[in-house]
Amino acid sequence: MAVPRARISKQRRDKRRSANWKLALPGVSKCPKCGEPVLSHRACKACGTYNGREVIKVNEEK
């Protein structure tokens, strides 16, 4: 039966585990129509387009 040679301290154990909690960055690209940053596979909130067509009506208040 496998037995650890020595007890691992909480500090050493937590140091090893600390590198795995980080989240990956979301896939952000720019909208081909208006150039705003937008999440992948989602409609642009600035101009309301997705895949080259308008899917959301956006009020232009500029």
C-alpha atoms as a PDB file:
ATOM      1  CA  MET A   1       0.000   0.000   0.000  1.00  0.00           C
ATOM      2  CA  ALA A   2       1.382   3.408  -0.952  1.00  0.00           C
ATOM      3  CA  VAL A   3       2.090   5.713   1.973  1.00  0.00           C
ATOM      4  CA  PRO A   4       3.416   9.288   1.664  1.00  0.00           C
ATOM      5  CA  ARG A   5       6.967   9.681   2.984  1.00  0.00           C
ATOM      6  CA  ALA A   6       6.180  12.870   4.896  1.00  0.00           C
ATOM      7  CA  ARG A   7       3.147  14.987   5.610  1.00  0.00           C
ATOM      8  CA  ILE A   8       2.667  17.862   3.171  1.00  0.00           C
ATOM      9  CA  SER A   9       1.999  21.137   4.977  1.00  0.00           C
ATOM     10  CA  LYS A  10      -1.160  23.127   4.234  1.00  0.00           C
ATOM     11  CA  GLN A  11       0.937  25.960   2.859  1.00  0.00           C
ATOM     12  CA  ARG A  12       2.770  23.692   0.408  1.00  0.00           C
ATOM     13  CA  ARG A  13      -0.468  21.962  -0.637  1.00  0.00           C
ATOM     14  CA  ASP A  14      -2.286  25.278  -1.191  1.00  0.00           C
ATOM     15  CA  LYS A  15       0.641  26.714  -3.155  1.00  0.00           C
ATOM     16  CA  ARG A  16       0.406  23.798  -5.563  1.00  0.00           C
ATOM     17  CA  ARG A  17      -3.371  24.172  -5.964  1.00  0.00           C
ATOM     18  CA  SER A  18      -3.353  27.960  -6.360  1.00  0.00           C
ATOM     19  CA  ALA A  19      -2.311  27.939 -10.026  1.00  0.00           C
ATOM     20  CA  ASN A  20      -5.460  26.147 -11.241  1.00  0.00           C
ATOM     21  CA  TRP A  21      -8.202  28.586 -10.197  1.00  0.00           C
ATOM     22  CA  LYS A  22      -7.572  31.222 -12.875  1.00  0.00           C
ATOM     23  CA  LEU A  23     -10.293  31.672 -15.496  1.00  0.00           C
ATOM     24  CA  ALA A  24      -9.538  31.813 -19.191  1.00  0.00           C
ATOM     25  CA  LEU A  25     -10.204  35.031 -21.088  1.00  0.00           C
ATOM     26  CA  PRO A  26     -13.454  35.084 -23.059  1.00  0.00           C
ATOM     27  CA  GLY A  27     -13.211  35.043 -26.845  1.00  0.00           C
ATOM     28  CA  VAL A  28     -13.618  38.730 -27.674  1.00  0.00           C
ATOM     29  CA  SER A  29     -13.476  39.871 -31.275  1.00  0.00           C
ATOM     30  CA  LYS A  30     -14.505  43.059 -33.015  1.00  0.00           C
ATOM     31  CA  CYS A  31     -17.755  43.552 -34.868  1.00  0.00           C
ATOM     32  CA  PRO A  32     -17.195  43.637 -38.643  1.00  0.00           C
ATOM     33  CA  LYS A  33     -19.828  46.360 -39.101  1.00  0.00           C
ATOM     34  CA  CYS A  34     -19.120  48.880 -36.317  1.00  0.00           C
ATOM     35  CA  GLY A  35     -15.789  47.695 -34.856  1.00  0.00           C
ATOM     36  CA  GLU A  36     -17.013  47.423 -31.254  1.00  0.00           C
ATOM     37  CA  PRO A  37     -15.653  44.560 -29.116  1.00  0.00           C
ATOM     38  CA  VAL A  38     -18.199  41.738 -28.968  1.00  0.00           C
ATOM     39  CA  LEU A  39     -18.239  38.215 -27.508  1.00  0.00           C
ATOM     40  CA  SER A  40     -18.026  35.407 -30.049  1.00  0.00           C
ATOM     41  CA  HIS A  41     -21.311  33.892 -31.288  1.00  0.00           C
ATOM     42  CA  ARG A  42     -23.385  36.760 -29.890  1.00  0.00           C
ATOM     43  CA  ALA A  43     -25.135  39.716 -31.469  1.00  0.00           C
ATOM     44  CA  CYS A  44     -23.397  43.084 -31.279  1.00  0.00           C
ATOM     45  CA  LYS A  45     -25.047  45.322 -28.679  1.00  0.00           C
ATOM     46  CA  ALA A  46     -23.900  48.492 -30.423  1.00  0.00           C
ATOM     47  CA  CYS A  47     -25.346  47.893 -33.908  1.00  0.00           C
ATOM     48  CA  GLY A  48     -27.518  44.790 -33.394  1.00  0.00           C
ATOM     49  CA  THR A  49     -26.001  42.649 -36.149  1.00  0.00           C
ATOM     50  CA  TYR A  50     -25.025  38.987 -36.105  1.00  0.00           C
ATOM     51  CA  ASN A  51     -23.633  36.999 -39.021  1.00  0.00           C
ATOM     52  CA  GLY A  52     -24.055  39.930 -41.422  1.00  0.00           C
ATOM     53  CA  ARG A  53     -27.735  40.672 -40.719  1.00  0.00           C
ATOM     54  CA  GLU A  54     -29.639  42.796 -38.233  1.00  0.00           C
ATOM     55  CA  VAL A  55     -31.196  40.696 -35.462  1.00  0.00           C
ATOM     56  CA  ILE A  56     -31.761  43.348 -32.777  1.00  0.00           C
ATOM     57  CA  LYS A  57     -33.252  46.793 -33.292  1.00  0.00           C
ATOM     58  CA  VAL A  58     -31.018  49.329 -31.523  1.00  0.00           C
ATOM     59  CA  ASN A  59     -32.080  52.894 -30.816  1.00  0.00           C
ATOM     60  CA  GLU A  60     -29.520  55.347 -32.174  1.00  0.00           C
ATOM     61  CA  GLU A  61     -29.204  58.115 -29.555  1.00  0.00           C
ATOM     62  CA  LYS A  62     -25.968  59.815 -30.544  1.00  0.00           C
END
